[in-house]
Structures are given as C-alpha cells and as structure tokens.
PDB file of N, CA and C in Angstrom:
ATOM      1  N   MET A   1       0.824  -1.190   0.000  1.00  0.00           N
ATOM      2  CA  MET A   1       0.000   0.000   0.000  1.00  0.00           C
ATOM      3  C   MET A   1       0.870   1.257   0.000  1.00  0.00           C
ATOM      4  N   ARG A   2       1.883   1.272   0.847  1.00  0.00           N
ATOM      5  CA  ARG A   2       2.753   2.446   0.914  1.00  0.00           C
ATOM      6  C   ARG A   2       3.519   2.650  -0.387  1.00  0.00           C
ATOM      7  N   ALA A   3       3.931   1.560  -1.013  1.00  0.00           N
ATOM      8  CA  ALA A   3       4.694   1.689  -2.254  1.00  0.00           C
ATOM      9  C   ALA A   3       3.876   2.423  -3.309  1.00  0.00           C
ATOM     10  N   ARG A   4       2.588   2.175  -3.366  1.00  0.00           N
ATOM     11  CA  ARG A   4       1.744   2.883  -4.332  1.00  0.00           C
ATOM     12  C   ARG A   4       1.697   4.370  -4.002  1.00  0.00           C
ATOM     13  N   ARG A   5       1.672   4.679  -2.711  1.00  0.00           N
ATOM     14  CA  ARG A   5       1.678   6.074  -2.290  1.00  0.00           C
ATOM     15  C   ARG A   5       2.974   6.741  -2.737  1.00  0.00           C
ATOM     16  N   TRP A   6       4.083   6.044  -2.513  1.00  0.00           N
ATOM     17  CA  TRP A   6       5.384   6.607  -2.905  1.00  0.00           C
ATOM     18  C   TRP A   6       5.469   6.726  -4.421  1.00  0.00           C
ATOM     19  N   ASP A   7       4.942   5.730  -5.132  1.00  0.00           N
ATOM     20  CA  ASP A   7       4.921   5.799  -6.600  1.00  0.00           C
ATOM     21  C   ASP A   7       4.133   7.022  -7.075  1.00  0.00           C
ATOM     22  N   PHE A   8       3.001   7.269  -6.440  1.00  0.00           N
ATOM     23  CA  PHE A   8       2.168   8.419  -6.799  1.00  0.00           C
ATOM     24  C   PHE A   8       2.921   9.717  -6.556  1.00  0.00           C
ATOM     25  N   ILE A   9       3.553   9.815  -5.399  1.00  0.00           N
ATOM     26  CA  ILE A   9       4.321  11.029  -5.089  1.00  0.00           C
ATOM     27  C   ILE A   9       5.438  11.211  -6.098  1.00  0.00           C
ATOM     28  N   SER A  10       6.127  10.143  -6.412  1.00  0.00           N
ATOM     29  CA  SER A  10       7.227  10.215  -7.366  1.00  0.00           C
ATOM     30  C   SER A  10       6.736  10.672  -8.739  1.00  0.00           C
ATOM     31  N   ALA A  11       5.598  10.168  -9.158  1.00  0.00           N
ATOM     32  CA  ALA A  11       5.060  10.485 -10.479  1.00  0.00           C
ATOM     33  C   ALA A  11       4.579  11.930 -10.578  1.00  0.00           C
ATOM     34  N   HIS A  12       4.137  12.507  -9.455  1.00  0.00           N
ATOM     35  CA  HIS A  12       3.540  13.840  -9.494  1.00  0.00           C
ATOM     36  C   HIS A  12       4.355  14.909  -8.771  1.00  0.00           C
ATOM     37  N   ALA A  13       5.541  14.560  -8.317  1.00  0.00           N
ATOM     38  CA  ALA A  13       6.364  15.505  -7.558  1.00  0.00           C
ATOM     39  C   ALA A  13       6.720  16.740  -8.374  1.00  0.00           C
ATOM     40  N   GLY A  14       6.984  16.574  -9.641  1.00  0.00           N
ATOM     41  CA  GLY A  14       7.335  17.711 -10.482  1.00  0.00           C
ATOM     42  C   GLY A  14       6.199  18.709 -10.629  1.00  0.00           C
ATOM     43  N   GLU A  15       4.994  18.198 -10.588  1.00  0.00           N
ATOM     44  CA  GLU A  15       3.825  19.053 -10.784  1.00  0.00           C
ATOM     45  C   GLU A  15       3.380  19.746  -9.496  1.00  0.00           C
ATOM     46  N   PHE A  16       3.414  19.001  -8.371  1.00  0.00           N
ATOM     47  CA  PHE A  16       2.873  19.532  -7.124  1.00  0.00           C
ATOM     48  C   PHE A  16       3.910  19.729  -6.021  1.00  0.00           C
ATOM     49  N   GLY A  17       5.049  19.076  -6.129  1.00  0.00           N
ATOM     50  CA  GLY A  17       6.068  19.152  -5.091  1.00  0.00           C
ATOM     51  C   GLY A  17       5.905  18.048  -4.063  1.00  0.00           C
ATOM     52  N   VAL A  18       7.023  17.535  -3.604  1.00  0.00           N
ATOM     53  CA  VAL A  18       7.011  16.423  -2.652  1.00  0.00           C
ATOM     54  C   VAL A  18       6.366  16.842  -1.331  1.00  0.00           C
ATOM     55  N   GLN A  19       6.717  18.018  -0.848  1.00  0.00           N
ATOM     56  CA  GLN A  19       6.186  18.464   0.441  1.00  0.00           C
ATOM     57  C   GLN A  19       4.662  18.520   0.429  1.00  0.00           C
ATOM     58  N   ARG A  20       4.098  19.145  -0.576  1.00  0.00           N
ATOM     59  CA  ARG A  20       2.628  19.270  -0.642  1.00  0.00           C
ATOM     60  C   ARG A  20       1.967  17.903  -0.777  1.00  0.00           C
ATOM     61  N   LEU A  21       2.503  17.038  -1.628  1.00  0.00           N
ATOM     62  CA  LEU A  21       1.915  15.707  -1.798  1.00  0.00           C
ATOM     63  C   LEU A  21       1.969  14.913  -0.501  1.00  0.00           C
ATOM     64  N   CYS A  22       3.081  15.001   0.190  1.00  0.00           N
ATOM     65  CA  CYS A  22       3.196  14.278   1.456  1.00  0.00           C
ATOM     66  C   CYS A  22       2.200  14.805   2.480  1.00  0.00           C
ATOM     67  N   GLU A  23       1.991  16.109   2.507  1.00  0.00           N
ATOM     68  CA  GLU A  23       1.001  16.678   3.423  1.00  0.00           C
ATOM     69  C   GLU A  23      -0.400  16.186   3.093  1.00  0.00           C
ATOM     70  N   VAL A  24      -0.761  16.236   1.819  1.00  0.00           N
ATOM     71  CA  VAL A  24      -2.105  15.832   1.401  1.00  0.00           C
ATOM     72  C   VAL A  24      -2.335  14.345   1.651  1.00  0.00           C
ATOM     73  N   LEU A  25      -1.312  13.536   1.402  1.00  0.00           N
ATOM     74  CA  LEU A  25      -1.458  12.081   1.565  1.00  0.00           C
ATOM     75  C   LEU A  25      -1.113  11.601   2.966  1.00  0.00           C
ATOM     76  N   ASP A  26      -0.815  12.534   3.855  1.00  0.00           N
ATOM     77  CA  ASP A  26      -0.450  12.214   5.237  1.00  0.00           C
ATOM     78  C   ASP A  26       0.708  11.213   5.278  1.00  0.00           C
ATOM     79  N   ALA A  27       1.743  11.557   4.543  1.00  0.00           N
ATOM     80  CA  ALA A  27       2.938  10.710   4.457  1.00  0.00           C
ATOM     81  C   ALA A  27       4.145  11.529   4.904  1.00  0.00           C
ATOM     82  N   ALA A  28       5.102  10.865   5.483  1.00  0.00           N
ATOM     83  CA  ALA A  28       6.321  11.543   5.919  1.00  0.00           C
ATOM     84  C   ALA A  28       7.257  11.723   4.736  1.00  0.00           C
ATOM     85  N   ARG A  29       7.785  12.932   4.582  1.00  0.00           N
ATOM     86  CA  ARG A  29       8.746  13.157   3.502  1.00  0.00           C
ATOM     87  C   ARG A  29       9.969  12.274   3.679  1.00  0.00           C
ATOM     88  N   SER A  30      10.389  12.081   4.922  1.00  0.00           N
ATOM     89  CA  SER A  30      11.560  11.236   5.160  1.00  0.00           C
ATOM     90  C   SER A  30      11.297   9.811   4.697  1.00  0.00           C
ATOM     91  N   GLY A  31      10.076   9.337   4.857  1.00  0.00           N
ATOM     92  CA  GLY A  31       9.710   8.003   4.376  1.00  0.00           C
ATOM     93  C   GLY A  31       9.783   7.913   2.865  1.00  0.00           C
ATOM     94  N   TYR A  32       9.330   8.959   2.199  1.00  0.00           N
ATOM     95  CA  TYR A  32       9.397   8.986   0.746  1.00  0.00           C
ATOM     96  C   TYR A  32      10.842   8.941   0.274  1.00  0.00           C
ATOM     97  N   TYR A  33      11.684   9.773   0.877  1.00  0.00           N
ATOM     98  CA  TYR A  33      13.080   9.815   0.446  1.00  0.00           C
ATOM     99  C   TYR A  33      13.816   8.522   0.803  1.00  0.00           C
ATOM    100  N   ALA A  34      13.450   7.892   1.901  1.00  0.00           N
ATOM    101  CA  ALA A  34      14.045   6.597   2.242  1.00  0.00           C
ATOM    102  C   ALA A  34      13.626   5.542   1.222  1.00  0.00           C
ATOM    103  N   TRP A  35      12.356   5.565   0.829  1.00  0.00           N
ATOM    104  CA  TRP A  35      11.870   4.623  -0.197  1.00  0.00           C
ATOM    105  C   TRP A  35      12.611   4.846  -1.504  1.00  0.00           C
ATOM    106  N   ARG A  36      12.774   6.099  -1.880  1.00  0.00           N
ATOM    107  CA  ARG A  36      13.469   6.418  -3.121  1.00  0.00           C
ATOM    108  C   ARG A  36      14.928   5.972  -3.086  1.00  0.00           C
ATOM    109  N   ALA A  37      15.571   6.127  -1.937  1.00  0.00           N
ATOM    110  CA  ALA A  37      16.970   5.720  -1.800  1.00  0.00           C
ATOM    111  C   ALA A  37      17.135   4.202  -1.904  1.00  0.00           C
ATOM    112  N   GLY A  38      16.101   3.462  -1.547  1.00  0.00           N
ATOM    113  CA  GLY A  38      16.172   2.010  -1.583  1.00  0.00           C
ATOM    114  C   GLY A  38      15.768   1.390  -2.906  1.00  0.00           C
ATOM    115  N   ALA A  39      15.476   2.211  -3.898  1.00  0.00           N
ATOM    116  CA  ALA A  39      14.995   1.696  -5.189  1.00  0.00           C
ATOM    117  C   ALA A  39      16.002   0.746  -5.824  1.00  0.00           C
ATOM    118  N   ARG A  40      17.275   1.092  -5.789  1.00  0.00           N
ATOM    119  CA  ARG A  40      18.310   0.256  -6.401  1.00  0.00           C
ATOM    120  C   ARG A  40      18.385  -1.102  -5.702  1.00  0.00           C
ATOM    121  N   ALA A  41      18.329  -1.092  -4.374  1.00  0.00           N
ATOM    122  CA  ALA A  41      18.389  -2.346  -3.618  1.00  0.00           C
ATOM    123  C   ALA A  41      17.185  -3.225  -3.935  1.00  0.00           C
ATOM    124  N   ARG A  42      16.000  -2.628  -4.056  1.00  0.00           N
ATOM    125  CA  ARG A  42      14.808  -3.413  -4.397  1.00  0.00           C
ATOM    126  C   ARG A  42      14.930  -4.024  -5.781  1.00  0.00           C
ATOM    127  N   ALA A  43      15.462  -3.268  -6.728  1.00  0.00           N
ATOM    128  CA  ALA A  43      15.638  -3.775  -8.092  1.00  0.00           C
ATOM    129  C   ALA A  43      16.651  -4.911  -8.117  1.00  0.00           C
ATOM    130  N   ASP A  44      17.739  -4.762  -7.379  1.00  0.00           N
ATOM    131  CA  ASP A  44      18.748  -5.823  -7.310  1.00  0.00           C
ATOM    132  C   ASP A  44      18.180  -7.087  -6.691  1.00  0.00           C
ATOM    133  N   ARG A  45      17.376  -6.919  -5.625  1.00  0.00           N
ATOM    134  CA  ARG A  45      16.762  -8.066  -4.956  1.00  0.00           C
ATOM    135  C   ARG A  45      15.788  -8.772  -5.886  1.00  0.00           C
ATOM    136  N   ALA A  46      15.008  -8.003  -6.634  1.00  0.00           N
ATOM    137  CA  ALA A  46      14.049  -8.594  -7.571  1.00  0.00           C
ATOM    138  C   ALA A  46      14.773  -9.362  -8.675  1.00  0.00           C
ATOM    139  N   ALA A  47      15.882  -8.827  -9.157  1.00  0.00           N
ATOM    140  CA  ALA A  47      16.655  -9.515 -10.196  1.00  0.00           C
ATOM    141  C   ALA A  47      17.250 -10.807  -9.663  1.00  0.00           C
ATOM    142  N   ALA A  48      17.770 -10.771  -8.445  1.00  0.00           N
ATOM    143  CA  ALA A  48      18.345 -11.976  -7.842  1.00  0.00           C
ATOM    144  C   ALA A  48      17.264 -13.036  -7.631  1.00  0.00           C
ATOM    145  N   GLU A  49      16.089 -12.603  -7.211  1.00  0.00           N
ATOM    146  CA  GLU A  49      14.987 -13.544  -7.001  1.00  0.00           C
ATOM    147  C   GLU A  49      14.545 -14.161  -8.331  1.00  0.00           C
ATOM    148  N   ALA A  50      14.483 -13.366  -9.384  1.00  0.00           N
ATOM    149  CA  ALA A  50      14.102 -13.888 -10.699  1.00  0.00           C
ATOM    150  C   ALA A  50      15.122 -14.905 -11.195  1.00  0.00           C
ATOM    151  N   ALA A  51      16.402 -14.635 -10.967  1.00  0.00           N
ATOM    152  CA  ALA A  51      17.449 -15.584 -11.371  1.00  0.00           C
ATOM    153  C   ALA A  51      17.311 -16.886 -10.594  1.00  0.00           C
ATOM    154  N   LEU A  52      16.997 -16.796  -9.313  1.00  0.00           N
ATOM    155  CA  LEU A  52      16.822 -18.000  -8.499  1.00  0.00           C
ATOM    156  C   LEU A  52      15.620 -18.814  -8.978  1.00  0.00           C
ATOM    157  N   VAL A  53      14.539 -18.145  -9.298  1.00  0.00           N
ATOM    158  CA  VAL A  53      13.346 -18.838  -9.807  1.00  0.00           C
ATOM    159  C   VAL A  53      13.679 -19.562 -11.109  1.00  0.00           C
ATOM    160  N   ARG A  54      14.420 -18.898 -12.000  1.00  0.00           N
ATOM    161  CA  ARG A  54      14.821 -19.559 -13.254  1.00  0.00           C
ATOM    162  C   ARG A  54      15.666 -20.802 -12.970  1.00  0.00           C
ATOM    163  N   ALA A  55      16.598 -20.696 -12.019  1.00  0.00           N
ATOM    164  CA  ALA A  55      17.458 -21.833 -11.691  1.00  0.00           C
ATOM    165  C   ALA A  55      16.640 -22.981 -11.116  1.00  0.00           C
ATOM    166  N   ILE A  56      15.703 -22.677 -10.262  1.00  0.00           N
ATOM    167  CA  ILE A  56      14.845 -23.713  -9.670  1.00  0.00           C
ATOM    168  C   ILE A  56      14.011 -24.387 -10.752  1.00  0.00           C
ATOM    169  N   ARG A  57      13.454 -23.598 -11.654  1.00  0.00           N
ATOM    170  CA  ARG A  57      12.653 -24.181 -12.742  1.00  0.00           C
ATOM    171  C   ARG A  57      13.497 -25.063 -13.650  1.00  0.00           C
ATOM    172  N   ASP A  58      14.727 -24.654 -13.916  1.00  0.00           N
ATOM    173  CA  ASP A  58      15.627 -25.455 -14.745  1.00  0.00           C
ATOM    174  C   ASP A  58      15.912 -26.800 -14.086  1.00  0.00           C
ATOM    175  N   VAL A  59      16.218 -26.782 -12.795  1.00  0.00           N
ATOM    176  CA  VAL A  59      16.500 -28.029 -12.072  1.00  0.00           C
ATOM    177  C   VAL A  59      15.246 -28.893 -12.047  1.00  0.00           C
ATOM    178  N   HIS A  60      14.108 -28.290 -11.822  1.00  0.00           N
ATOM    179  CA  HIS A  60      12.859 -29.036 -11.790  1.00  0.00           C
ATOM    180  C   HIS A  60      12.587 -29.711 -13.135  1.00  0.00           C
ATOM    181  N   GLN A  61      12.862 -28.978 -14.210  1.00  0.00           N
ATOM    182  CA  GLN A  61      12.652 -29.534 -15.544  1.00  0.00           C
ATOM    183  C   GLN A  61      13.667 -30.644 -15.848  1.00  0.00           C
ATOM    184  N   GLU A  62      14.916 -30.437 -15.448  1.00  0.00           N
ATOM    185  CA  GLU A  62      15.965 -31.447 -15.690  1.00  0.00           C
ATOM    186  C   GLU A  62      15.670 -32.745 -14.953  1.00  0.00           C
ATOM    187  N   THR A  63      15.000 -32.663 -13.810  1.00  0.00           N
ATOM    188  CA  THR A  63      14.711 -33.863 -13.037  1.00  0.00           C
ATOM    189  C   THR A  63      13.311 -34.387 -13.323  1.00  0.00           C
ATOM    190  N   ARG A  64      12.726 -33.886 -14.406  1.00  0.00           N
ATOM    191  CA  ARG A  64      11.387 -34.291 -14.837  1.00  0.00           C
ATOM    192  C   ARG A  64      10.339 -34.142 -13.731  1.00  0.00           C
ATOM    193  N   GLY A  65      10.454 -33.023 -13.038  1.00  0.00           N
ATOM    194  CA  GLY A  65       9.428 -32.686 -12.044  1.00  0.00           C
ATOM    195  C   GLY A  65       9.637 -33.307 -10.690  1.00  0.00           C
ATOM    196  N   ALA A  66      10.763 -33.973 -10.480  1.00  0.00           N
ATOM    197  CA  ALA A  66      10.986 -34.613  -9.196  1.00  0.00           C
ATOM    198  C   ALA A  66      11.492 -33.618  -8.168  1.00  0.00           C
TER     199      ALA A  66
END
C-alpha cells in the first residue's frame, strides 16, 4: 500500500512538489526519500529472485518434475 503512495508522489512531484503531496497524503517526507533511496536495492533483490526462480525451474525440468 505504501509503495503505491510513494509511486504516486514520485510520479507527481514535479507538478505539485514532494512536500505538498506528502502533506495531502499524510505521508512523511523522510519516508518517501528513504523509499526512493532504496529503489536500487529493491531492483537488485528482484533480479536476484528472478534468477533463483529460473534456476529452480531449470532443475525441476531437468529432473522431470521430481
């Protein structure tokens, strides 16, 4: 739920400003900036998880579902 709020703020910050959006949405600016700072880590984690899923599927297929 919060990620959607941060996404909305990020998408509209240029038009309305982060401070005003955070006030209207009752969100902490520090929370928004912390979320933004963690974007790279989230992307790296998602990529690592996708690679692991591919590896698991490959092993599952190689062992004919065993």
